[in-house]
C-alpha atoms as a PDB file:
ATOM      1  CA  MET A   1     108.160 120.701  22.189  1.00  0.00           C
ATOM      2  CA  SER A   2     105.735 123.927  23.442  1.00  0.00           C
ATOM      3  CA  LYS A   3     102.451 122.833  25.139  1.00  0.00           C
ATOM      4  CA  PRO A   4      99.724 124.907  27.413  1.00  0.00           C
ATOM      5  CA  ILE A   5     100.654 125.608  31.320  1.00  0.00           C
ATOM      6  CA  ALA A   6     100.361 128.540  33.926  1.00  0.00           C
ATOM      7  CA  CYS A   7     100.543 130.741  37.894  1.00  0.00           C
ATOM      8  CA  ARG A   8     100.324 134.349  40.161  1.00  0.00           C
ATOM      9  CA  ALA A   9     101.868 136.104  43.116  1.00  0.00           C
ATOM     10  CA  ALA A  10      99.938 138.379  45.172  1.00  0.00           C
ATOM     11  CA  ARG A  11      99.808 139.046  49.192  1.00  0.00           C
ATOM     12  CA  HIS A  12     103.144 140.732  50.332  1.00  0.00           C
ATOM     13  CA  ILE A  13     103.699 144.020  52.177  1.00  0.00           C
ATOM     14  CA  ARG A  14     105.501 146.524  50.039  1.00  0.00           C
ATOM     15  CA  SER A  15     109.002 147.599  50.874  1.00  0.00           C
ATOM     16  CA  ASN A  16     107.507 151.388  50.463  1.00  0.00           C
ATOM     17  CA  ARG A  17     104.458 150.577  52.586  1.00  0.00           C
ATOM     18  CA  ILE A  18     103.674 150.685  55.950  1.00  0.00           C
ATOM     19  CA  ASN A  19     106.051 147.934  57.566  1.00  0.00           C
ATOM     20  CA  VAL A  20     103.368 145.993  59.679  1.00  0.00           C
ATOM     21  CA  ARG A  21     105.420 143.067  60.310  1.00  0.00           C
ATOM     22  CA  MET A  22     107.239 144.205  63.372  1.00  0.00           C
ATOM     23  CA  MET A  23     103.972 145.769  65.343  1.00  0.00           C
ATOM     24  CA  PRO A  24     101.980 143.424  67.757  1.00  0.00           C
ATOM     25  CA  LYS A  25      99.933 141.418  65.522  1.00  0.00           C
ATOM     26  CA  SER A  26      96.502 143.216  67.112  1.00  0.00           C
ATOM     27  CA  LEU A  27      97.816 146.655  66.088  1.00  0.00           C
ATOM     28  CA  ASP A  28      99.258 144.980  62.900  1.00  0.00           C
ATOM     29  CA  ARG A  29      95.611 144.066  61.631  1.00  0.00           C
ATOM     30  CA  HIS A  30      94.163 147.451  63.096  1.00  0.00           C
ATOM     31  CA  VAL A  31      97.172 149.737  60.885  1.00  0.00           C
ATOM     32  CA  GLN A  32      96.763 147.111  57.765  1.00  0.00           C
ATOM     33  CA  TRP A  33      93.121 147.663  57.562  1.00  0.00           C
ATOM     34  CA  LEU A  34      93.370 151.687  57.699  1.00  0.00           C
ATOM     35  CA  HIS A  35      96.111 151.267  55.032  1.00  0.00           C
ATOM     36  CA  ASP A  36      94.112 149.327  52.703  1.00  0.00           C
ATOM     37  CA  LEU A  37      90.973 151.419  53.421  1.00  0.00           C
ATOM     38  CA  PRO A  38      91.265 153.671  50.632  1.00  0.00           C
ATOM     39  CA  ALA A  39      92.117 150.703  48.093  1.00  0.00           C
ATOM     40  CA  ARG A  40      89.147 148.681  49.244  1.00  0.00           C
ATOM     41  CA  THR A  41      86.685 151.711  48.677  1.00  0.00           C
ATOM     42  CA  ALA A  42      87.892 152.373  45.425  1.00  0.00           C
ATOM     43  CA  LEU A  43      87.439 148.579  44.660  1.00  0.00           C
ATOM     44  CA  ARG A  44      83.334 149.379  45.339  1.00  0.00           C
ATOM     45  CA  PHE A  45      82.877 152.107  43.464  1.00  0.00           C
ATOM     46  CA  CYS A  46      84.614 150.782  40.780  1.00  0.00           C
ATOM     47  CA  ASN A  47      82.290 147.685  41.046  1.00  0.00           C
ATOM     48  CA  HIS A  48      79.162 149.913  40.929  1.00  0.00           C
ATOM     49  CA  PRO A  49      76.954 149.441  38.383  1.00  0.00           C
ATOM     50  CA  TYR A  50      77.103 152.689  37.200  1.00  0.00           C
ATOM     51  CA  PHE A  51      80.777 153.132  36.947  1.00  0.00           C
ATOM     52  CA  ARG A  52      81.240 149.535  35.740  1.00  0.00           C
ATOM     53  CA  GLU A  53      79.106 150.655  32.618  1.00  0.00           C
ATOM     54  CA  ALA A  54      81.624 153.461  32.222  1.00  0.00           C
ATOM     55  CA  LEU A  55      84.888 152.284  32.927  1.00  0.00           C
ATOM     56  CA  GLY A  56      83.608 149.192  30.554  1.00  0.00           C
ATOM     57  CA  GLN A  57      82.678 151.782  27.802  1.00  0.00           C
ATOM     58  CA  ARG A  58      86.022 153.741  28.113  1.00  0.00           C
ATOM     59  CA  HIS A  59      88.338 150.569  27.785  1.00  0.00           C
ATOM     60  CA  GLU A  60      86.289 149.078  24.473  1.00  0.00           C
ATOM     61  CA  GLU A  61      86.840 152.319  23.027  1.00  0.00           C
ATOM     62  CA  ALA A  62      90.690 152.538  24.121  1.00  0.00           C
ATOM     63  CA  LEU A  63      91.117 148.465  22.679  1.00  0.00           C
ATOM     64  CA  ALA A  64      88.932 149.771  19.364  1.00  0.00           C
ATOM     65  CA  LEU A  65      91.478 152.871  19.365  1.00  0.00           C
ATOM     66  CA  HIS A  66      94.772 150.438  19.781  1.00  0.00           C
ATOM     67  CA  ARG A  67      93.923 147.196  17.733  1.00  0.00           C
ATOM     68  CA  PRO A  68      95.752 149.008  14.167  1.00  0.00           C
ATOM     69  CA  ARG A  69      98.694 149.629  16.078  1.00  0.00           C
ATOM     70  CA  LEU A  70      99.335 146.287  18.204  1.00  0.00           C
ATOM     71  CA  PRO A  71     102.548 144.948  17.273  1.00  0.00           C
ATOM     72  CA  ARG A  72     103.458 142.267  14.260  1.00  0.00           C
ATOM     73  CA  LEU A  73     104.387 138.580  16.293  1.00  0.00           C
ATOM     74  CA  SER A  74     106.427 135.854  15.274  1.00  0.00           C
ATOM     75  CA  ALA A  75     105.076 132.629  14.820  1.00  0.00           C
ATOM     76  CA  LEU A  76     106.089 131.617  18.271  1.00  0.00           C
ATOM     77  CA  GLY A  77     104.678 134.967  19.690  1.00  0.00           C
ATOM     78  CA  ARG A  78     101.459 134.534  18.089  1.00  0.00           C
ATOM     79  CA  GLU A  79     101.216 130.915  19.118  1.00  0.00           C
ATOM     80  CA  ILE A  80     101.581 132.034  22.706  1.00  0.00           C
ATOM     81  CA  VAL A  81      98.828 134.194  22.750  1.00  0.00           C
ATOM     82  CA  ASP A  82      96.472 132.047  20.689  1.00  0.00           C
ATOM     83  CA  ALA A  83      96.791 129.824  23.321  1.00  0.00           C
ATOM     84  CA  LEU A  84      96.273 132.463  26.147  1.00  0.00           C
ATOM     85  CA  GLU A  85      93.183 133.220  24.533  1.00  0.00           C
ATOM     86  CA  GLN A  86      91.765 129.556  24.482  1.00  0.00           C
ATOM     87  CA  ASP A  87      93.346 128.110  27.469  1.00  0.00           C
ATOM     88  CA  GLY A  88      94.955 130.450  29.307  1.00  0.00           C
ATOM     89  CA  VAL A  89      98.579 129.090  29.633  1.00  0.00           C
ATOM     90  CA  PHE A  90     101.710 127.987  27.574  1.00  0.00           C
ATOM     91  CA  ILE A  91     104.682 126.649  28.247  1.00  0.00           C
ATOM     92  CA  THR A  92     108.045 126.090  26.910  1.00  0.00           C
ATOM     93  CA  GLN A  93     111.595 126.352  27.434  1.00  0.00           C
ATOM     94  CA  ILE A  94     113.760 129.115  27.804  1.00  0.00           C
ATOM     95  CA  ASP A  95     115.976 128.260  24.844  1.00  0.00           C
ATOM     96  CA  ALA A  96     113.229 128.468  22.264  1.00  0.00           C
ATOM     97  CA  LEU A  97     112.255 132.257  23.206  1.00  0.00           C
ATOM     98  CA  GLY A  98     115.837 133.501  22.210  1.00  0.00           C
ATOM     99  CA  LEU A  99     116.628 136.375  24.729  1.00  0.00           C
ATOM    100  CA  SER A 100     119.842 137.590  25.627  1.00  0.00           C
ATOM    101  CA  GLY A 101     120.949 137.055  29.037  1.00  0.00           C
ATOM    102  CA  SER A 102     118.422 134.244  29.972  1.00  0.00           C
ATOM    103  CA  GLU A 103     120.956 132.117  31.657  1.00  0.00           C
ATOM    104  CA  ALA A 104     122.576 134.963  33.576  1.00  0.00           C
ATOM    105  CA  MET A 105     119.165 136.028  34.753  1.00  0.00           C
ATOM    106  CA  ILE A 106     118.336 132.037  35.993  1.00  0.00           C
ATOM    107  CA  ASP A 107     121.756 131.669  37.065  1.00  0.00           C
ATOM    108  CA  SER A 108     121.207 134.900  39.281  1.00  0.00           C
ATOM    109  CA  SER A 109     117.753 134.156  40.819  1.00  0.00           C
ATOM    110  CA  ALA A 110     118.205 130.971  41.843  1.00  0.00           C
ATOM    111  CA  MET A 111     121.258 132.141  43.862  1.00  0.00           C
ATOM    112  CA  LEU A 112     119.283 134.956  45.193  1.00  0.00           C
ATOM    113  CA  ALA A 113     116.602 132.007  46.513  1.00  0.00           C
ATOM    114  CA  GLU A 114     119.148 129.925  48.121  1.00  0.00           C
ATOM    115  CA  ARG A 115     120.650 132.821  50.238  1.00  0.00           C
ATOM    116  CA  PHE A 116     116.559 133.342  51.566  1.00  0.00           C
ATOM    117  CA  ALA A 117     115.961 129.882  51.643  1.00  0.00           C
ATOM    118  CA  ARG A 118     117.113 129.681  55.884  1.00  0.00           C
ATOM    119  CA  GLU A 119     115.131 132.775  56.117  1.00  0.00           C
ATOM    120  CA  ALA A 120     112.215 131.360  54.191  1.00  0.00           C
ATOM    121  CA  HIS A 121     111.695 128.234  56.786  1.00  0.00           C
ATOM    122  CA  ALA A 122     112.168 130.268  59.494  1.00  0.00           C
ATOM    123  CA  ARG A 123     109.178 132.683  58.277  1.00  0.00           C
ATOM    124  CA  ALA A 124     107.067 129.610  57.318  1.00  0.00           C
ATOM    125  CA  ALA A 125     107.777 128.347  60.901  1.00  0.00           C
ATOM    126  CA  ARG A 126     106.048 131.668  62.767  1.00  0.00           C
ATOM    127  CA  GLY A 127     103.148 130.907  60.044  1.00  0.00           C
ATOM    128  CA  GLU A 128     104.068 133.636  57.106  1.00  0.00           C
ATOM    129  CA  THR A 129     102.027 132.164  54.100  1.00  0.00           C
ATOM    130  CA  PHE A 130     103.300 134.202  51.176  1.00  0.00           C
ATOM    131  CA  LEU A 131     107.219 134.149  50.914  1.00  0.00           C
ATOM    132  CA  TYR A 132     109.330 136.017  48.819  1.00  0.00           C
ATOM    133  CA  VAL A 133     112.858 137.326  48.117  1.00  0.00           C
ATOM    134  CA  PRO A 134     113.365 140.516  49.623  1.00  0.00           C
ATOM    135  CA  PRO A 135     112.544 143.126  46.477  1.00  0.00           C
ATOM    136  CA  GLU A 136     115.713 145.466  47.209  1.00  0.00           C
ATOM    137  CA  GLN A 137     117.563 142.491  45.979  1.00  0.00           C
ATOM    138  CA  ILE A 138     115.765 142.010  42.629  1.00  0.00           C
ATOM    139  CA  ALA A 139     116.155 146.276  42.614  1.00  0.00           C
ATOM    140  CA  ALA A 140     120.062 145.377  43.109  1.00  0.00           C
ATOM    141  CA  SER A 141     120.547 143.072  39.853  1.00  0.00           C
ATOM    142  CA  PRO A 142     119.451 144.665  37.131  1.00  0.00           C
ATOM    143  CA  ARG A 143     119.708 141.843  34.945  1.00  0.00           C
ATOM    144  CA  ILE A 144     116.918 140.182  36.673  1.00  0.00           C
ATOM    145  CA  PHE A 145     114.675 142.681  36.549  1.00  0.00           C
ATOM    146  CA  ARG A 146     115.173 144.229  32.927  1.00  0.00           C
ATOM    147  CA  TRP A 147     115.179 140.532  31.430  1.00  0.00           C
ATOM    148  CA  GLY A 148     111.180 141.132  31.679  1.00  0.00           C
ATOM    149  CA  LEU A 149     111.786 144.111  29.389  1.00  0.00           C
ATOM    150  CA  HIS A 150     113.102 142.390  26.368  1.00  0.00           C
ATOM    151  CA  ASP A 151     110.350 143.692  23.179  1.00  0.00           C
ATOM    152  CA  GLN A 152     109.246 140.175  22.711  1.00  0.00           C
ATOM    153  CA  LEU A 153     107.846 139.993  25.684  1.00  0.00           C
ATOM    154  CA  LEU A 154     106.414 142.948  25.687  1.00  0.00           C
ATOM    155  CA  ASP A 155     104.918 142.341  22.070  1.00  0.00           C
ATOM    156  CA  ILE A 156     103.416 139.254  23.599  1.00  0.00           C
ATOM    157  CA  ALA A 157     101.896 141.069  26.363  1.00  0.00           C
ATOM    158  CA  GLU A 158     100.479 144.106  24.395  1.00  0.00           C
ATOM    159  CA  SER A 159      99.086 142.202  21.370  1.00  0.00           C
ATOM    160  CA  TYR A 160      97.443 139.715  24.565  1.00  0.00           C
ATOM    161  CA  ILE A 161      95.860 142.515  26.593  1.00  0.00           C
ATOM    162  CA  GLY A 162      95.541 144.683  23.731  1.00  0.00           C
ATOM    163  CA  LEU A 163      96.756 147.936  24.981  1.00  0.00           C
ATOM    164  CA  PRO A 164      99.972 149.539  25.888  1.00  0.00           C
ATOM    165  CA  VAL A 165     101.430 147.167  28.697  1.00  0.00           C
ATOM    166  CA  ALA A 166     102.749 148.322  31.990  1.00  0.00           C
ATOM    167  CA  TYR A 167     105.403 146.151  33.719  1.00  0.00           C
ATOM    168  CA  ASP A 168     104.915 145.479  37.304  1.00  0.00           C
ATOM    169  CA  GLY A 169     108.185 144.002  37.499  1.00  0.00           C
ATOM    170  CA  ALA A 170     109.689 140.565  39.017  1.00  0.00           C
ATOM    171  CA  ILE A 171     109.181 138.431  42.394  1.00  0.00           C
ATOM    172  CA  ILE A 172     111.317 135.534  43.515  1.00  0.00           C
ATOM    173  CA  ASN A 173     108.457 133.310  44.994  1.00  0.00           C
ATOM    174  CA  TYR A 174     109.605 130.650  47.170  1.00  0.00           C
ATOM    175  CA  THR A 175     107.176 127.846  48.549  1.00  0.00           C
ATOM    176  CA  VAL A 176     108.249 125.581  51.908  1.00  0.00           C
ATOM    177  CA  ALA A 177     107.487 122.013  51.640  1.00  0.00           C
ATOM    178  CA  ASP A 178     105.188 122.047  53.980  1.00  0.00           C
ATOM    179  CA  GLY A 179     102.131 121.076  52.517  1.00  0.00           C
ATOM    180  CA  ARG A 180      99.892 123.930  53.595  1.00  0.00           C
ATOM    181  CA  GLU A 181      97.125 124.995  51.257  1.00  0.00           C
ATOM    182  CA  VAL A 182      96.834 128.371  52.171  1.00  0.00           C
ATOM    183  CA  SER A 183      97.254 131.976  50.847  1.00  0.00           C
ATOM    184  CA  THR A 184      97.814 131.611  46.992  1.00  0.00           C
ATOM    185  CA  ARG A 185      98.331 127.608  47.203  1.00  0.00           C
ATOM    186  CA  LYS A 186      93.959 128.127  47.006  1.00  0.00           C
ATOM    187  CA  TRP A 187      92.408 128.314  43.772  1.00  0.00           C
ATOM    188  CA  HIS A 188      92.299 131.814  42.743  1.00  0.00           C
ATOM    189  CA  ARG A 189      92.204 134.854  40.209  1.00  0.00           C
ATOM    190  CA  ASP A 190      94.430 138.004  40.223  1.00  0.00           C
ATOM    191  CA  TRP A 191      92.907 141.146  40.275  1.00  0.00           C
ATOM    192  CA  GLU A 192      95.016 143.997  38.789  1.00  0.00           C
ATOM    193  CA  ASP A 193      93.411 143.883  36.011  1.00  0.00           C
ATOM    194  CA  ARG A 194      90.683 142.911  33.121  1.00  0.00           C
ATOM    195  CA  ARG A 195      93.424 140.693  32.075  1.00  0.00           C
ATOM    196  CA  MET A 196      96.581 140.127  32.895  1.00  0.00           C
ATOM    197  CA  LEU A 197     100.154 138.224  31.558  1.00  0.00           C
ATOM    198  CA  LYS A 198     102.357 136.478  33.918  1.00  0.00           C
ATOM    199  CA  VAL A 199     105.555 135.190  32.567  1.00  0.00           C
ATOM    200  CA  ALA A 200     106.918 132.546  35.205  1.00  0.00           C
ATOM    201  CA  VAL A 201     110.463 131.228  34.909  1.00  0.00           C
ATOM    202  CA  TYR A 202     111.340 127.691  36.941  1.00  0.00           C
ATOM    203  CA  LEU A 203     114.315 128.066  38.537  1.00  0.00           C
ATOM    204  CA  HIS A 204     115.221 124.314  39.558  1.00  0.00           C
ATOM    205  CA  ASN A 205     113.556 121.068  38.107  1.00  0.00           C
ATOM    206  CA  VAL A 206     109.664 120.953  39.549  1.00  0.00           C
ATOM    207  CA  ASP A 207     107.566 117.752  39.638  1.00  0.00           C
ATOM    208  CA  HIS A 208     104.038 116.878  41.148  1.00  0.00           C
ATOM    209  CA  ALA A 209     105.482 116.904  44.542  1.00  0.00           C
ATOM    210  CA  GLY A 210     107.263 119.952  44.227  1.00  0.00           C
ATOM    211  CA  GLY A 211     104.623 122.672  43.895  1.00  0.00           C
ATOM    212  CA  PRO A 212     104.009 123.277  40.665  1.00  0.00           C
ATOM    213  CA  PHE A 213     102.020 126.024  39.155  1.00  0.00           C
ATOM    214  CA  GLN A 214      98.587 124.457  38.398  1.00  0.00           C
ATOM    215  CA  ILE A 215      95.092 126.790  36.300  1.00  0.00           C
ATOM    216  CA  ILE A 216      92.100 125.460  35.499  1.00  0.00           C
ATOM    217  CA  SER A 217      91.907 125.719  31.359  1.00  0.00           C
ATOM    218  CA  ARG A 218      88.263 126.844  31.505  1.00  0.00           C
ATOM    219  CA  HIS A 219      86.853 130.179  31.615  1.00  0.00           C
ATOM    220  CA  GLY A 220      85.242 130.674  35.204  1.00  0.00           C
ATOM    221  CA  SER A 221      81.980 132.279  35.820  1.00  0.00           C
ATOM    222  CA  THR A 222      81.736 135.559  33.885  1.00  0.00           C
ATOM    223  CA  GLN A 223      84.042 138.473  35.631  1.00  0.00           C
ATOM    224  CA  ASN A 224      83.797 141.505  32.912  1.00  0.00           C
ATOM    225  CA  ASP A 225      82.096 145.134  33.566  1.00  0.00           C
ATOM    226  CA  ARG A 226      78.746 144.100  33.221  1.00  0.00           C
ATOM    227  CA  SER A 227      79.039 141.433  36.135  1.00  0.00           C
ATOM    228  CA  GLY A 228      81.812 142.793  38.116  1.00  0.00           C
ATOM    229  CA  PHE A 229      84.506 141.475  39.798  1.00  0.00           C
ATOM    230  CA  SER A 230      85.138 138.985  42.986  1.00  0.00           C
ATOM    231  CA  TYR A 231      88.421 137.638  44.324  1.00  0.00           C
ATOM    232  CA  GLU A 232      87.745 135.089  46.738  1.00  0.00           C
ATOM    233  CA  LEU A 233      89.957 132.206  47.832  1.00  0.00           C
ATOM    234  CA  ALA A 234      88.641 128.703  46.979  1.00  0.00           C
ATOM    235  CA  THR A 235      89.474 125.045  47.940  1.00  0.00           C
ATOM    236  CA  GLU A 236      88.913 122.720  45.326  1.00  0.00           C
ATOM    237  CA  ASP A 237      84.877 121.745  46.668  1.00  0.00           C
ATOM    238  CA  GLU A 238      84.797 125.423  46.791  1.00  0.00           C
ATOM    239  CA  LEU A 239      85.929 126.121  43.249  1.00  0.00           C
ATOM    240  CA  GLU A 240      83.272 123.307  41.709  1.00  0.00           C
ATOM    241  CA  ASP A 241      80.560 124.769  43.143  1.00  0.00           C
ATOM    242  CA  ARG A 242      81.431 127.894  41.755  1.00  0.00           C
ATOM    243  CA  LEU A 243      82.030 126.649  38.206  1.00  0.00           C
ATOM    244  CA  GLY A 244      79.335 123.851  37.976  1.00  0.00           C
ATOM    245  CA  VAL A 245      81.591 121.619  36.852  1.00  0.00           C
ATOM    246  CA  PRO A 246      84.755 119.162  38.187  1.00  0.00           C
ATOM    247  CA  VAL A 247      87.775 120.505  38.088  1.00  0.00           C
ATOM    248  CA  ALA A 248      89.999 117.734  37.246  1.00  0.00           C
ATOM    249  CA  PRO A 249      89.042 117.417  33.353  1.00  0.00           C
ATOM    250  CA  TYR A 250      90.230 121.131  32.963  1.00  0.00           C
ATOM    251  CA  LEU A 251      93.570 120.642  35.576  1.00  0.00           C
ATOM    252  CA  VAL A 252      96.754 122.047  33.734  1.00  0.00           C
ATOM    253  CA  SER A 253      99.842 121.458  36.167  1.00  0.00           C
ATOM    254  CA  CYS A 254     102.828 122.884  35.123  1.00  0.00           C
ATOM    255  CA  GLU A 255     105.720 120.450  36.028  1.00  0.00           C
ATOM    256  CA  GLY A 256     108.778 120.954  34.210  1.00  0.00           C
ATOM    257  CA  LEU A 257     112.611 121.512  33.969  1.00  0.00           C
ATOM    258  CA  ARG A 258     114.405 124.432  35.470  1.00  0.00           C
ATOM    259  CA  GLY A 259     114.399 127.026  32.610  1.00  0.00           C
ATOM    260  CA  THR A 260     110.465 126.353  31.892  1.00  0.00           C
ATOM    261  CA  VAL A 261     108.705 129.064  30.865  1.00  0.00           C
ATOM    262  CA  ILE A 262     105.001 129.578  31.807  1.00  0.00           C
ATOM    263  CA  PHE A 263     102.906 132.193  29.958  1.00  0.00           C
ATOM    264  CA  THR A 264      99.469 132.416  31.682  1.00  0.00           C
ATOM    265  CA  ASP A 265      96.702 135.040  32.112  1.00  0.00           C
ATOM    266  CA  THR A 266      96.125 135.214  35.916  1.00  0.00           C
ATOM    267  CA  ALA A 267      93.082 137.101  35.904  1.00  0.00           C
ATOM    268  CA  ARG A 268      90.551 135.550  33.868  1.00  0.00           C
ATOM    269  CA  PHE A 269      91.642 131.965  34.944  1.00  0.00           C
ATOM    270  CA  TYR A 270      91.985 129.981  38.273  1.00  0.00           C
ATOM    271  CA  HIS A 271      95.077 128.998  39.229  1.00  0.00           C
ATOM    272  CA  ARG A 272      97.433 128.533  42.245  1.00  0.00           C
ATOM    273  CA  GLY A 273     100.560 127.343  43.535  1.00  0.00           C
ATOM    274  CA  LYS A 274     100.117 123.641  44.249  1.00  0.00           C
ATOM    275  CA  PRO A 275     101.369 123.047  47.874  1.00  0.00           C
ATOM    276  CA  ALA A 276     104.816 121.443  48.099  1.00  0.00           C
ATOM    277  CA  THR A 277     105.353 118.146  49.694  1.00  0.00           C
ATOM    278  CA  ALA A 278     108.539 116.796  48.704  1.00  0.00           C
ATOM    279  CA  ARG A 279     110.969 119.422  48.216  1.00  0.00           C
ATOM    280  CA  ASP A 280     110.970 123.440  48.034  1.00  0.00           C
ATOM    281  CA  ARG A 281     110.045 125.652  45.199  1.00  0.00           C
ATOM    282  CA  THR A 282     111.410 128.932  43.589  1.00  0.00           C
ATOM    283  CA  VAL A 283     110.358 130.569  40.507  1.00  0.00           C
ATOM    284  CA  ILE A 284     110.455 133.914  39.250  1.00  0.00           C
ATOM    285  CA  PHE A 285     107.188 135.540  38.023  1.00  0.00           C
ATOM    286  CA  TYR A 286     107.144 138.672  35.682  1.00  0.00           C
ATOM    287  CA  SER A 287     103.609 140.721  35.627  1.00  0.00           C
ATOM    288  CA  TYR A 288     101.925 142.492  32.706  1.00  0.00           C
ATOM    289  CA  PHE A 289      98.459 144.627  32.438  1.00  0.00           C
ATOM    290  CA  ALA A 290      97.704 147.418  30.545  1.00  0.00           C
ATOM    291  CA  GLN A 291      99.041 150.963  31.686  1.00  0.00           C
ATOM    292  CA  GLN A 292      95.573 152.023  32.652  1.00  0.00           C
ATOM    293  CA  PRO A 293      94.424 148.872  34.676  1.00  0.00           C
ATOM    294  CA  ARG A 294      91.035 148.321  35.836  1.00  0.00           C
ATOM    295  CA  HIS A 295      92.218 148.547  39.766  1.00  0.00           C
ATOM    296  CA  PRO A 296      95.402 150.552  40.087  1.00  0.00           C
ATOM    297  CA  PHE A 297      95.235 150.499  43.589  1.00  0.00           C
ATOM    298  CA  LEU A 298      95.832 146.573  43.695  1.00  0.00           C
ATOM    299  CA  CYS A 299      98.614 146.491  41.196  1.00  0.00           C
ATOM    300  CA  GLU A 300     102.483 147.126  42.804  1.00  0.00           C
ATOM    301  CA  ARG A 301     102.653 143.471  43.553  1.00  0.00           C
ATOM    302  CA  SER A 302     106.417 143.139  43.189  1.00  0.00           C
ATOM    303  CA  GLY A 303     107.455 144.993  46.289  1.00  0.00           C
ATOM    304  CA  MET A 304     109.741 147.155  44.778  1.00  0.00           C
ATOM    305  CA  ARG A 305     110.412 150.747  45.959  1.00  0.00           C
ATOM    306  CA  ARG A 306     109.216 153.414  43.108  1.00  0.00           C
ATOM    307  CA  ARG A 307     112.803 155.238  43.281  1.00  0.00           C
ATOM    308  CA  ASP A 308     114.514 151.681  42.447  1.00  0.00           C
ATOM    309  CA  LEU A 309     111.924 151.524  39.772  1.00  0.00           C
ATOM    310  CA  TYR A 310     113.073 154.765  38.398  1.00  0.00           C
ATOM    311  CA  ARG A 311     116.643 154.715  38.803  1.00  0.00           C
ATOM    312  CA  LEU A 312     116.216 150.825  36.855  1.00  0.00           C
ATOM    313  CA  ALA A 313     114.143 152.830  34.072  1.00  0.00           C
ATOM    314  CA  ARG A 314     117.090 155.598  33.306  1.00  0.00           C
ATOM    315  CA  ASP A 315     118.594 155.145  29.987  1.00  0.00           C
ATOM    316  CA  LEU A 316     116.098 152.758  28.967  1.00  0.00           C
ATOM    317  CA  PRO A 317     114.326 153.118  25.492  1.00  0.00           C
ATOM    318  CA  GLU A 318     110.972 155.086  25.678  1.00  0.00           C
ATOM    319  CA  ARG A 319     108.736 151.707  25.384  1.00  0.00           C
ATOM    320  CA  GLN A 320     110.676 150.199  28.395  1.00  0.00           C
ATOM    321  CA  GLN A 321     110.332 153.452  30.080  1.00  0.00           C
ATOM    322  CA  SER A 322     106.580 153.807  29.729  1.00  0.00           C
ATOM    323  CA  ALA A 323     106.350 150.253  31.085  1.00  0.00           C
ATOM    324  CA  ILE A 324     107.835 150.580  34.214  1.00  0.00           C
ATOM    325  CA  LEU A 325     106.440 154.380  34.750  1.00  0.00           C
ATOM    326  CA  TRP A 326     103.004 153.382  34.099  1.00  0.00           C
ATOM    327  CA  ARG A 327     101.311 155.007  37.064  1.00  0.00           C
ATOM    328  CA  ARG A 328     102.407 158.209  35.107  1.00  0.00           C
ATOM    329  CA  LYS A 329      99.423 157.493  33.109  1.00  0.00           C
ATOM    330  CA  LEU A 330      96.750 157.173  35.475  1.00  0.00           C
ATOM    331  CA  THR A 331      94.608 160.146  36.151  1.00  0.00           C
ATOM    332  CA  PRO A 332      95.261 162.225  39.604  1.00  0.00           C
ATOM    333  CA  LEU A 333      92.816 160.776  41.678  1.00  0.00           C
ATOM    334  CA  MET A 334      93.830 157.055  40.948  1.00  0.00           C
ATOM    335  CA  ARG A 335      97.652 158.391  41.631  1.00  0.00           C
ATOM    336  CA  LEU A 336      96.180 159.664  45.120  1.00  0.00           C
ATOM    337  CA  ILE A 337      95.009 156.295  46.056  1.00  0.00           C
ATOM    338  CA  PRO A 338      98.087 153.928  48.024  1.00  0.00           C
ATOM    339  CA  PRO A 339      98.501 150.293  46.846  1.00  0.00           C
ATOM    340  CA  ALA A 340      96.907 147.905  48.797  1.00  0.00           C
ATOM    341  CA  SER A 341      98.871 145.722  51.056  1.00  0.00           C
ATOM    342  CA  LEU A 342      96.954 142.522  50.182  1.00  0.00           C
END
C-alpha cells in the first residue's frame, strides 16, 4: 500500500568547480567566497522586488502556455502528483512503478555506497558534513544515471512542476551514524527552483534510528515571487518559531525497506535527513526542476562534470537529452554565472 513521505541533497563541491578541499582552511574559505560571489549576487538581484515581479509574471505566462501540453498520467502517477500538491510527499515501493532496470540500479548503487563506506567515515571524522559517492563513479555507471530518465518519472515531474523538466542527475548520499545535527540534517528548503521533485530510493532498510528522510507536510512561510525566497537552516525550535505551530503534528518520518521510493518537493516543504544514530544510511536521490529554473546558479547539485553529462546524453531520445542538457535553454547571462559550491 502506498502512503505519503519525503528528502534533499545540497552542500557539496562540484568536481568541475574549484577544488577547495586540498587548500588550507583559511585560504579555502576565501577561494570559496570568491567563487560563489557571482551566484550570491545573482540571488540578491533575483529577489529584488522589481525583478521578482517580472520573473513571476514570466513564470505564470509559461505555465499557462504549457498547460495544454502536460503529459497524460497513469492512475499511480496522478496519485503521486496529487499527494505532492497536498502534502509534499508520497512513498511507494520500487516494484509498484514498473520501471525497467530498477533492481540493477539499486544493486549497482548499493555496491558503490559500500565501497565508499570507509572513506565516508574518515571524512566524517575530519568534520565534513555532507558525504556522497564521488560523482565520477555514477558517471561511469549509466544504468544508475539513466534510471532517472524513465518517461514515467519525467511525466510525473513535468505534471507537478507544470513545465518541461530539467534532470539534475543522481547523487548517492552517505550518512554516518554519528548523531550530529548538521548541514542537511537540519530543517531546510532547497533553493534551485520554485518547486522541485526529488525521487529518493533507499539502498537498504531504514528505520527510525537509521536516519530516515523527514518532511513537514505543512506549507511553511510563503515562498513565491511576490514575497521572495529565503533558505536558512533551522533546528526544530527555530522551525516552530517560523511556522508558528508545533512541528510534531505535521512530521512525516519516512522509514522503509530497501527499494522504498520517496517522491517529494524539497523546495516548497521543510525537510531534513534525520541524524542517524544506530546505523549508517545510504540513499540515492534523483532531482528535477523546470528547464529554466528560478535560480540556475544554485543548481547542478549532483557534482557531475558537464562533459560526462554530454557523453551520457548521447544516443538518448530528444526528451531525455533536453532534460539533461537543460542549461542550453538559459539566457546567455545566466549561462555565464558559475554554479555555486554551496
